[in-house]
Protein backbone atom coordinates (compact mmCIF):
# COMPACT_ATOMS: atom_id res chain seq x y z
CA MET A 1 -0.01 0.00 0.00
CA LYS A 2 2.72 2.34 0.90
CA HIS A 3 4.46 1.71 -2.30
CA THR A 4 1.25 2.17 -4.24
CA LYS A 5 0.49 5.48 -2.44
CA LYS A 6 3.96 6.78 -3.08
CA LEU A 7 3.73 5.79 -6.69
CA SER A 8 0.43 7.65 -7.05
CA ILE A 9 1.84 10.77 -5.42
CA LEU A 10 4.87 10.63 -7.72
CA VAL A 11 2.72 10.27 -10.86
CA LEU A 12 0.55 13.19 -9.68
CA MET A 13 3.59 15.45 -9.14
CA MET A 14 4.95 14.59 -12.61
CA LEU A 15 1.58 15.52 -14.18
CA VAL A 16 1.56 18.87 -12.37
CA LEU A 17 5.11 19.63 -13.48
CA ALA A 18 4.25 18.75 -17.07
CA LEU A 19 1.21 20.99 -17.07
CA THR A 20 3.19 23.86 -15.54
CA ALA A 21 5.92 23.54 -18.16
CA CYS A 22 3.32 23.62 -20.97
CA GLY A 23 1.72 26.71 -19.51
CA ASN A 24 5.14 28.47 -19.25
CA SER A 25 5.99 27.50 -22.79
CA ASN A 26 2.78 29.14 -24.11
CA ASP A 27 3.25 32.30 -22.03
CA SER A 28 6.83 32.61 -23.19
CA ALA A 29 5.77 32.38 -26.83
CA ALA A 30 3.10 34.98 -26.34
CA ASP A 31 5.63 37.33 -24.63
CA ASN A 32 8.05 36.83 -27.48
CA LYS A 33 5.34 37.64 -30.01
CA ALA A 34 4.30 40.76 -28.09
CA THR A 35 7.92 41.83 -27.89
CA ASN A 36 8.94 40.95 -31.45
CA GLU A 37 6.07 42.64 -33.28
CA PRO A 38 6.80 46.14 -32.09
CA ALA A 39 10.48 45.57 -32.75
CA ALA A 40 9.69 44.63 -36.36
CA GLU A 41 7.56 47.76 -36.72
CA ALA A 42 10.31 49.97 -35.29
CA THR A 43 12.84 48.41 -37.70
CA ASN A 44 10.56 49.04 -40.73
CA ALA A 45 9.87 52.64 -39.57
CA ALA A 46 13.61 53.32 -39.31
CA ALA A 47 14.13 51.95 -42.83
CA GLU A 48 11.65 54.43 -44.31
CA PRO A 49 12.79 57.95 -45.29
CA ALA A 50 12.03 60.51 -42.59
CA ALA A 51 9.54 62.31 -44.88
CA ALA A 52 7.66 59.19 -45.93
CA GLY A 53 3.92 59.46 -45.17
CA ALA A 54 4.33 63.05 -43.94
CA PHE A 55 2.75 64.55 -47.05
CA THR A 56 -0.81 64.81 -48.30
CA ASP A 57 -1.39 63.50 -51.80
CA GLY A 58 -1.61 66.18 -54.49
CA THR A 59 0.49 68.58 -56.57
CA TYR A 60 2.22 71.49 -54.87
CA LYS A 61 3.93 74.45 -56.42
CA ALA A 62 6.46 77.00 -55.21
CA GLU A 63 7.91 80.01 -57.07
CA TYR A 64 9.88 83.15 -56.38
CA ASP A 65 8.13 86.51 -55.97
CA ARG A 66 9.93 88.08 -58.92
CA ASN A 67 12.07 87.44 -61.99
CA ASP A 68 15.84 87.20 -61.48
CA VAL A 69 18.44 89.47 -63.10
CA ARG A 70 18.04 87.61 -66.40
CA ASN A 71 14.26 88.08 -66.26
CA TRP A 72 13.46 84.41 -65.46
CA LYS A 73 11.35 83.18 -62.58
CA ALA A 74 12.18 79.78 -61.09
CA TYR A 75 9.41 77.40 -59.98
CA VAL A 76 9.01 73.81 -58.75
CA GLU A 77 5.99 71.46 -58.95
CA VAL A 78 6.06 68.46 -56.60
CA THR A 79 3.59 65.56 -56.89
CA VAL A 80 2.87 63.47 -53.82
CA LYS A 81 1.28 60.03 -54.02
CA ASP A 82 0.63 57.61 -51.14
CA GLY A 83 2.24 60.12 -48.80
CA LYS A 84 5.54 60.16 -50.70
CA ILE A 85 7.15 62.40 -53.31
CA GLU A 86 6.43 60.72 -56.65
CA LYS A 87 7.95 63.32 -58.99
CA ALA A 88 9.22 66.88 -59.14
CA TYR A 89 9.34 69.23 -62.10
CA TYR A 90 11.67 72.28 -62.11
CA ASP A 91 12.02 75.11 -64.62
CA TYR A 92 12.03 78.87 -65.15
CA SER A 93 9.55 80.97 -67.07
CA ASN A 94 9.56 84.55 -68.33
CA ALA A 95 6.90 87.20 -68.85
CA ALA A 96 6.17 85.84 -72.31
CA GLY A 97 5.49 82.40 -70.91
CA GLU A 98 8.61 80.84 -72.45
CA LEU A 99 10.37 78.06 -70.58
CA ARG A 100 14.05 78.41 -69.94
CA THR A 101 14.69 74.75 -70.85
CA GLU A 102 13.21 75.51 -74.33
CA ASN A 103 15.23 78.67 -74.91
CA GLU A 104 17.65 77.89 -77.76
CA ASN A 105 20.39 80.32 -76.57
CA TYR A 106 20.27 78.98 -73.04
CA ILE A 107 20.23 75.36 -74.18
CA LYS A 108 23.22 76.00 -76.47
CA GLY A 109 25.34 77.77 -73.85
CA PHE A 110 24.43 75.38 -71.00
CA SER A 111 24.99 72.22 -73.12
CA GLU A 112 28.39 73.37 -74.40
CA ALA A 113 29.57 74.13 -70.86
CA ASN A 114 28.11 71.09 -69.08
CA LYS A 115 27.75 68.30 -71.68
CA MET A 116 24.06 68.00 -70.79
CA THR A 117 20.97 70.00 -71.56
CA PRO A 118 19.33 72.16 -68.89
CA ARG A 119 16.30 69.85 -69.04
CA GLU A 120 18.55 66.90 -68.17
CA ALA A 121 20.11 68.79 -65.31
CA PHE A 122 16.81 69.91 -63.89
CA ASP A 123 15.32 66.44 -64.18
CA LYS A 124 18.31 65.07 -62.30
CA LEU A 125 17.40 67.36 -59.39
CA GLY A 126 13.83 66.05 -59.51
CA VAL A 127 14.95 62.42 -59.53
CA ASN A 128 17.28 63.05 -56.57
CA LEU A 129 14.42 64.51 -54.57
CA VAL A 130 12.27 61.47 -55.20
CA THR A 131 15.15 59.29 -54.08
CA VAL A 132 15.98 61.09 -50.81
CA GLN A 133 12.48 62.44 -50.03
CA ASP A 134 14.06 65.52 -48.46
CA ALA A 135 14.83 68.76 -50.23
CA ALA A 136 17.73 69.57 -47.85
CA LYS A 137 19.48 66.35 -48.94
CA VAL A 138 19.40 66.91 -52.72
CA ASP A 139 22.93 67.28 -54.00
CA ALA A 140 23.80 70.10 -56.42
CA VAL A 141 24.14 69.17 -60.07
CA SER A 142 27.64 70.02 -61.37
CA GLY A 143 27.49 73.05 -63.59
CA ALA A 144 24.11 74.11 -62.27
CA THR A 145 25.03 75.20 -58.76
CA HIS A 146 22.83 78.31 -58.82
CA SER A 147 19.83 76.46 -60.24
CA SER A 148 20.40 73.64 -57.71
CA ARG A 149 20.29 76.13 -54.82
CA ASN A 150 17.05 77.57 -56.15
CA PHE A 151 15.54 74.08 -56.58
CA ASN A 152 16.31 73.10 -53.00
CA GLU A 153 14.77 76.23 -51.55
CA LEU A 154 11.62 76.04 -53.70
CA ALA A 155 11.14 72.28 -53.23
CA ALA A 156 11.36 72.77 -49.45
CA ALA A 157 8.65 75.45 -49.66
CA ALA A 158 6.43 73.21 -51.81
CA LEU A 159 6.86 70.34 -49.35
CA GLU A 160 5.79 72.57 -46.46
CA LYS A 161 2.57 73.10 -48.38
CA ALA A 162 2.34 69.30 -48.91
CA LYS A 163 2.57 68.69 -45.20
CA ALA A 164 -0.50 70.84 -44.66
CA GLY A 165 -2.31 69.63 -47.79
CA ASP A 166 -2.39 73.27 -48.99
CA ASN A 167 -2.52 73.42 -52.81
CA THR A 168 -2.01 77.23 -53.03
CA THR A 169 1.27 78.25 -54.59
CA ALA A 170 4.07 79.06 -52.13
CA VAL A 171 5.62 82.42 -53.07
CA ILE A 172 9.22 82.81 -51.81
CA PRO A 173 11.10 86.11 -51.74
CA LEU A 174 13.99 85.97 -54.13
CA TYR A 175 16.09 88.49 -52.19
CA ASP A 176 16.98 88.64 -48.54
CA ASP A 177 16.84 91.99 -46.73
CA GLY A 178 20.22 93.64 -46.16
CA VAL A 179 22.77 95.99 -47.60
CA TYR A 180 25.00 94.64 -50.33
CA LYS A 181 28.21 96.24 -51.57
CA VAL A 182 30.10 95.37 -54.76
CA ALA A 183 33.06 97.12 -56.40
CA ALA A 184 35.33 96.45 -59.32
CA GLU A 185 38.47 94.60 -58.29
CA ALA A 186 40.74 97.06 -60.09
CA PHE A 187 40.93 100.74 -61.06
CA ASP A 188 40.25 101.53 -64.70
CA GLU A 189 42.75 103.17 -67.07
CA HIS A 190 41.65 106.57 -65.79
CA GLY A 191 42.24 105.65 -62.16
CA TRP A 192 38.61 105.14 -61.16
CA LYS A 193 36.86 102.15 -59.63
CA PRO A 194 33.08 101.72 -59.92
CA GLN A 195 31.09 100.58 -56.92
CA VAL A 196 27.48 100.11 -55.78
CA GLU A 197 25.76 99.84 -52.43
CA LEU A 198 22.30 98.33 -52.69
CA GLU A 199 19.69 97.96 -49.95
CA ILE A 200 16.96 95.33 -50.00
CA LYS A 201 14.10 96.07 -47.66
CA ASP A 202 10.93 94.01 -47.35
CA HIS A 203 12.48 91.92 -50.14
CA LYS A 204 12.48 94.79 -52.63
CA ILE A 205 15.20 97.16 -53.94
CA ALA A 206 14.76 100.11 -51.59
CA SER A 207 17.82 102.15 -52.61
CA VAL A 208 21.07 102.06 -54.55
CA GLN A 209 24.13 104.29 -54.61
CA PHE A 210 26.39 104.11 -57.64
CA ASP A 211 29.69 105.97 -57.86
CA TYR A 212 33.43 105.72 -58.65
CA THR A 213 36.32 106.20 -56.27
CA ASN A 214 40.04 106.82 -56.98
CA GLU A 215 43.09 105.73 -55.07
CA ALA A 216 42.88 108.87 -52.86
CA GLY A 217 39.28 107.92 -51.95
CA LYS A 218 37.71 110.75 -53.83
CA LEU A 219 34.30 110.20 -55.44
CA LYS A 220 33.74 110.91 -59.13
CA THR A 221 30.36 112.52 -58.42
CA GLU A 222 32.13 115.16 -56.32
CA ASP A 223 34.90 115.89 -58.79
CA ALA A 224 34.23 119.35 -60.25
CA ASP A 225 36.87 119.00 -62.98
CA TYR A 226 35.37 115.74 -64.20
CA LYS A 227 31.92 117.30 -64.26
CA ALA A 228 33.16 120.24 -66.29
CA ALA A 229 34.87 117.93 -68.79
CA MET A 230 31.68 115.86 -69.32
CA GLU A 231 28.90 118.46 -69.33
CA SER A 232 29.23 119.13 -73.02
CA SER A 233 28.08 115.54 -73.65
CA GLY A 234 24.78 116.27 -71.91
CA THR A 235 25.47 114.41 -68.69
CA TYR A 236 28.04 114.05 -65.91
CA PRO A 237 28.64 111.61 -62.98
CA ALA A 238 26.23 113.06 -60.44
CA LYS A 239 23.49 113.24 -63.07
CA TYR A 240 23.84 109.85 -64.80
CA THR A 241 24.34 107.94 -61.49
CA GLU A 242 21.21 109.42 -60.11
CA GLU A 243 19.28 108.58 -63.26
CA LEU A 244 20.44 104.96 -63.17
CA GLU A 245 19.68 104.61 -59.46
CA LYS A 246 16.15 106.02 -59.92
CA GLN A 247 15.37 103.65 -62.76
CA LEU A 248 16.41 100.61 -60.77
CA VAL A 249 14.31 101.48 -57.71
CA GLU A 250 11.31 102.27 -59.88
CA LYS A 251 11.52 99.31 -62.23
CA GLN A 252 12.92 96.77 -59.72
CA GLN A 253 14.59 94.84 -62.62
CA ILE A 254 18.14 95.58 -63.73
CA GLY A 255 17.25 94.24 -67.16
CA ASP A 256 14.69 96.98 -67.55
CA VAL A 257 17.15 99.78 -66.76
CA ASP A 258 18.05 101.80 -69.87
CA ALA A 259 21.60 102.99 -70.55
CA VAL A 260 22.03 106.70 -70.13
CA SER A 261 23.06 108.54 -73.30
CA GLY A 262 26.64 109.83 -73.00
CA ALA A 263 27.44 107.37 -70.17
CA THR A 264 27.31 104.05 -72.00
CA THR A 265 30.34 102.57 -70.21
CA SER A 266 29.16 103.63 -66.78
CA SER A 267 25.71 102.22 -67.54
CA GLY A 268 27.28 98.90 -68.36
CA ASN A 269 29.38 99.00 -65.16
CA PHE A 270 26.24 99.77 -63.14
CA THR A 271 24.47 96.82 -64.67
CA ALA A 272 27.36 94.43 -63.95
CA LEU A 273 27.70 95.51 -60.30
CA VAL A 274 23.96 95.39 -59.60
CA GLU A 275 23.59 91.98 -61.25
CA TYR A 276 26.29 90.59 -59.01
CA ALA A 277 24.84 92.21 -55.91
CA LEU A 278 21.43 90.72 -56.59
CA ASP A 279 22.32 87.35 -58.12
CA ASP A 280 25.28 86.34 -55.94
CA LEU A 281 24.70 88.23 -52.67
CA ALA A 282 21.07 89.23 -52.08
CA GLU A 283 19.69 85.81 -53.16
CA VAL A 284 21.61 84.18 -50.34
CA GLY A 285 21.77 87.09 -47.87
CA ASN A 286 25.58 87.44 -48.08
CA THR A 287 26.32 90.97 -46.90
CA GLU A 288 30.12 90.64 -47.10
CA PRO A 289 31.56 93.30 -49.48
CA ALA A 290 32.52 91.77 -52.86
CA ALA A 291 34.96 92.66 -55.63
CA ILE A 292 34.47 91.53 -59.19
CA LYS A 293 36.23 91.75 -62.49
CA ILE A 294 34.50 94.05 -64.93
CA GLU A 295 35.17 93.49 -68.58
CA GLU A 296 36.15 96.67 -70.45
């Protein structure tokens, strides 16, 4: 009897242990499943681009608030599908509605310098954006640094609209507020160096001062002898500089500023200096004084 009782107790204990082991095995599997599923989701999320799913489907456009110094306005159109950037189109247009990528002179000059057409260069920027899904990570295309910079800024603005699902066009100021100074890097054959100081306020050309200085620091507009020598031509430094300055502030486009009769060379110098101040300084907010070579 004792042996039988002991045997029964032993069998009962073995059954309890077996049941407990089975229960622990199932609990462990459930815990692993609960643990592994979020881990897998976290891994997948990390593999996705940061911008994925952040955008509302649709087409979003961004453009600058004015034409640049060559009278072209850059714009970007970004298409979002399934929360991701599907494609991006980049180009410039002018007042006549012509596209820069279809302008024969631009195509010819760009292609000769870069061994690709401007359309190919701009499409490369669009493809890069689709790949990285982030405007800040799009690399510049060699030979199109300026256009690449514009593309990144405009694409970023369009994507901000995409985050909000806002289909209105984003209008970005082309110029940053500030005072920009540019001078020729050398004195001319008469001992004068042209210079401009241009102020952008509220993203518009608020004022501009154009003059020449000599090695002694004297201004041409204050040189009585120079004025006397020029007056017979119908103009003189203080007169033609003021006329050029006034035109620029009124018209806001250097390409619309007419040369002053009797001051053709100075008109050309004014244009070169202002173009650099706007194109290379004001567009990026660089207020460091610059010196450029002016072709005679």
